[in-house]
Amino acid sequence: MDNKGMAKQTTLSTNIDSELKAALAAFCKKKGLKIQSVVENAIREQLEDEIDLASYQERKNEEEISLAAVLKKLRK
């Protein structure tokens, strides 16, 4: 979802290491990005990664199906 799809905004306050904030500010300045956008994207990516990891954990022991078996099933 992009920022345009978000109807409401709210404030998130947190404490971070001052060197990390300085690095983030320098990165954003160099890339022409807004800190808010980078932070939102990082949070979104982390949440998506956690969902992906949970899905992987649920399915990692499933039986593998060969390409030949898939093609055979599709031809039926």
N, C-alpha and C. Protein backbone atom coordinates (compact mmCIF):
# COMPACT_ATOMS: atom_id res chain seq x y z
N MET A 1 0.86 -1.18 0.00
CA MET A 1 0.00 0.00 0.00
C MET A 1 0.90 1.24 0.00
N ASP A 2 0.58 2.19 -0.83
CA ASP A 2 1.37 3.42 -0.83
C ASP A 2 0.71 4.46 0.06
N ASN A 3 1.40 5.59 0.24
CA ASN A 3 0.89 6.64 1.12
C ASN A 3 -0.46 7.18 0.64
N LYS A 4 -0.70 7.14 -0.67
CA LYS A 4 -1.95 7.66 -1.21
C LYS A 4 -3.13 6.82 -0.77
N GLY A 5 -2.89 5.51 -0.49
CA GLY A 5 -3.96 4.62 -0.08
C GLY A 5 -4.28 4.72 1.40
N MET A 6 -3.52 5.48 2.13
CA MET A 6 -3.73 5.59 3.58
C MET A 6 -4.62 6.79 3.86
N ALA A 7 -5.77 6.53 4.46
CA ALA A 7 -6.73 7.59 4.70
C ALA A 7 -6.36 8.46 5.90
N LYS A 8 -5.83 7.83 6.95
CA LYS A 8 -5.55 8.56 8.17
C LYS A 8 -4.08 8.44 8.53
N GLN A 9 -3.57 9.45 9.19
CA GLN A 9 -2.21 9.41 9.69
C GLN A 9 -2.24 9.65 11.19
N THR A 10 -1.23 9.17 11.86
CA THR A 10 -1.10 9.37 13.29
C THR A 10 0.37 9.59 13.61
N THR A 11 0.63 10.03 14.79
CA THR A 11 2.01 10.30 15.21
C THR A 11 2.57 9.08 15.92
N LEU A 12 3.81 8.75 15.60
CA LEU A 12 4.53 7.67 16.26
C LEU A 12 5.78 8.29 16.87
N SER A 13 5.89 8.21 18.16
CA SER A 13 7.07 8.75 18.85
C SER A 13 7.89 7.61 19.41
N THR A 14 9.17 7.66 19.19
CA THR A 14 10.06 6.63 19.70
C THR A 14 11.45 7.20 19.89
N ASN A 15 12.24 6.56 20.70
CA ASN A 15 13.62 6.97 20.90
C ASN A 15 14.53 6.05 20.10
N ILE A 16 15.48 6.64 19.38
CA ILE A 16 16.47 5.85 18.66
C ILE A 16 17.85 6.42 18.96
N ASP A 17 18.86 5.64 18.68
CA ASP A 17 20.23 6.05 18.87
C ASP A 17 20.51 7.33 18.06
N SER A 18 21.17 8.29 18.65
CA SER A 18 21.41 9.57 17.97
C SER A 18 22.28 9.40 16.72
N GLU A 19 23.23 8.46 16.75
CA GLU A 19 24.04 8.21 15.56
C GLU A 19 23.22 7.60 14.43
N LEU A 20 22.27 6.74 14.80
CA LEU A 20 21.39 6.15 13.80
C LEU A 20 20.52 7.23 13.16
N LYS A 21 20.00 8.14 13.98
CA LYS A 21 19.19 9.23 13.44
C LYS A 21 20.01 10.12 12.52
N ALA A 22 21.25 10.41 12.91
CA ALA A 22 22.12 11.23 12.07
C ALA A 22 22.40 10.53 10.73
N ALA A 23 22.63 9.22 10.79
CA ALA A 23 22.87 8.46 9.57
C ALA A 23 21.63 8.46 8.68
N LEU A 24 20.47 8.31 9.29
CA LEU A 24 19.21 8.34 8.54
C LEU A 24 19.00 9.70 7.88
N ALA A 25 19.24 10.75 8.63
CA ALA A 25 19.07 12.10 8.09
C ALA A 25 20.03 12.34 6.93
N ALA A 26 21.28 11.90 7.08
CA ALA A 26 22.27 12.08 6.01
C ALA A 26 21.88 11.26 4.78
N PHE A 27 21.43 10.04 5.00
CA PHE A 27 20.99 9.18 3.90
C PHE A 27 19.84 9.83 3.14
N CYS A 28 18.85 10.30 3.89
CA CYS A 28 17.68 10.91 3.27
C CYS A 28 18.05 12.17 2.50
N LYS A 29 18.92 12.97 3.06
CA LYS A 29 19.35 14.19 2.39
C LYS A 29 20.06 13.85 1.08
N LYS A 30 20.96 12.87 1.14
CA LYS A 30 21.72 12.48 -0.05
C LYS A 30 20.80 11.92 -1.14
N LYS A 31 19.79 11.16 -0.73
CA LYS A 31 18.89 10.52 -1.70
C LYS A 31 17.68 11.37 -2.05
N GLY A 32 17.50 12.50 -1.37
CA GLY A 32 16.34 13.35 -1.63
C GLY A 32 15.04 12.73 -1.12
N LEU A 33 15.12 12.01 -0.02
CA LEU A 33 13.96 11.34 0.54
C LEU A 33 13.53 12.02 1.84
N LYS A 34 12.30 11.77 2.22
CA LYS A 34 11.81 12.25 3.51
C LYS A 34 11.98 11.15 4.54
N ILE A 35 12.40 11.53 5.75
CA ILE A 35 12.59 10.56 6.82
C ILE A 35 11.30 9.79 7.06
N GLN A 36 10.18 10.46 7.10
CA GLN A 36 8.89 9.80 7.33
C GLN A 36 8.67 8.67 6.33
N SER A 37 8.95 8.93 5.07
CA SER A 37 8.75 7.93 4.02
C SER A 37 9.66 6.73 4.22
N VAL A 38 10.92 6.98 4.56
CA VAL A 38 11.88 5.89 4.76
C VAL A 38 11.46 5.05 5.97
N VAL A 39 11.06 5.70 7.05
CA VAL A 39 10.65 4.97 8.25
C VAL A 39 9.38 4.16 7.98
N GLU A 40 8.40 4.75 7.31
CA GLU A 40 7.17 4.02 6.98
C GLU A 40 7.48 2.80 6.12
N ASN A 41 8.34 2.98 5.12
CA ASN A 41 8.69 1.86 4.25
C ASN A 41 9.44 0.77 5.01
N ALA A 42 10.32 1.16 5.91
CA ALA A 42 11.07 0.18 6.71
C ALA A 42 10.13 -0.63 7.60
N ILE A 43 9.18 0.03 8.22
CA ILE A 43 8.21 -0.67 9.07
C ILE A 43 7.36 -1.61 8.23
N ARG A 44 6.89 -1.12 7.10
CA ARG A 44 6.06 -1.93 6.21
C ARG A 44 6.83 -3.17 5.74
N GLU A 45 8.09 -2.98 5.34
CA GLU A 45 8.92 -4.10 4.89
C GLU A 45 9.13 -5.12 6.01
N GLN A 46 9.37 -4.64 7.23
CA GLN A 46 9.56 -5.55 8.36
C GLN A 46 8.30 -6.38 8.60
N LEU A 47 7.15 -5.74 8.57
CA LEU A 47 5.90 -6.46 8.77
C LEU A 47 5.67 -7.50 7.66
N GLU A 48 5.93 -7.11 6.42
CA GLU A 48 5.79 -8.04 5.30
C GLU A 48 6.76 -9.21 5.44
N ASP A 49 8.00 -8.93 5.85
CA ASP A 49 8.99 -9.99 6.04
C ASP A 49 8.55 -10.97 7.11
N GLU A 50 7.98 -10.47 8.19
CA GLU A 50 7.51 -11.34 9.26
C GLU A 50 6.36 -12.24 8.78
N ILE A 51 5.47 -11.69 7.99
CA ILE A 51 4.36 -12.47 7.43
C ILE A 51 4.91 -13.53 6.48
N ASP A 52 5.86 -13.14 5.62
CA ASP A 52 6.48 -14.09 4.70
C ASP A 52 7.20 -15.20 5.46
N LEU A 53 7.91 -14.85 6.51
CA LEU A 53 8.64 -15.85 7.30
C LEU A 53 7.66 -16.82 7.97
N ALA A 54 6.57 -16.31 8.48
CA ALA A 54 5.56 -17.16 9.11
C ALA A 54 4.98 -18.12 8.08
N SER A 55 4.72 -17.64 6.88
CA SER A 55 4.19 -18.49 5.81
C SER A 55 5.20 -19.57 5.44
N TYR A 56 6.46 -19.18 5.35
CA TYR A 56 7.51 -20.15 5.05
C TYR A 56 7.58 -21.22 6.14
N GLN A 57 7.56 -20.80 7.41
CA GLN A 57 7.65 -21.75 8.51
C GLN A 57 6.50 -22.76 8.47
N GLU A 58 5.31 -22.29 8.11
CA GLU A 58 4.14 -23.16 8.02
C GLU A 58 4.28 -24.19 6.92
N ARG A 59 4.96 -23.82 5.83
CA ARG A 59 4.98 -24.67 4.64
C ARG A 59 6.32 -25.34 4.34
N LYS A 60 7.34 -25.09 5.14
CA LYS A 60 8.68 -25.55 4.79
C LYS A 60 8.82 -27.07 4.74
N ASN A 61 7.96 -27.79 5.42
CA ASN A 61 8.05 -29.25 5.44
C ASN A 61 7.07 -29.92 4.49
N GLU A 62 6.40 -29.13 3.67
CA GLU A 62 5.47 -29.72 2.72
C GLU A 62 6.23 -30.53 1.68
N GLU A 63 5.57 -31.54 1.16
CA GLU A 63 6.16 -32.37 0.12
C GLU A 63 6.37 -31.53 -1.14
N GLU A 64 7.51 -31.71 -1.76
CA GLU A 64 7.78 -31.01 -3.02
C GLU A 64 7.12 -31.75 -4.17
N ILE A 65 6.63 -31.00 -5.12
CA ILE A 65 5.99 -31.58 -6.30
C ILE A 65 6.88 -31.26 -7.49
N SER A 66 7.19 -32.26 -8.26
CA SER A 66 8.07 -32.07 -9.41
C SER A 66 7.36 -31.29 -10.51
N LEU A 67 8.14 -30.68 -11.37
CA LEU A 67 7.58 -29.96 -12.50
C LEU A 67 6.81 -30.93 -13.40
N ALA A 68 7.33 -32.12 -13.57
CA ALA A 68 6.65 -33.12 -14.40
C ALA A 68 5.26 -33.44 -13.85
N ALA A 69 5.15 -33.56 -12.52
CA ALA A 69 3.86 -33.84 -11.91
C ALA A 69 2.89 -32.68 -12.09
N VAL A 70 3.39 -31.47 -11.99
CA VAL A 70 2.55 -30.29 -12.19
C VAL A 70 2.04 -30.24 -13.62
N LEU A 71 2.95 -30.46 -14.58
CA LEU A 71 2.56 -30.44 -15.99
C LEU A 71 1.56 -31.54 -16.30
N LYS A 72 1.76 -32.72 -15.73
CA LYS A 72 0.83 -33.84 -15.95
C LYS A 72 -0.55 -33.48 -15.43
N LYS A 73 -0.60 -32.87 -14.25
CA LYS A 73 -1.89 -32.48 -13.67
C LYS A 73 -2.57 -31.40 -14.51
N LEU A 74 -1.80 -30.48 -15.07
CA LEU A 74 -2.37 -29.40 -15.89
C LEU A 74 -2.94 -29.93 -17.21
N ARG A 75 -2.39 -31.02 -17.71
CA ARG A 75 -2.83 -31.57 -19.01
C ARG A 75 -4.14 -32.34 -18.89
N LYS A 76 -4.57 -32.68 -17.68
CA LYS A 76 -5.80 -33.44 -17.49
C LYS A 76 -7.02 -32.64 -17.80
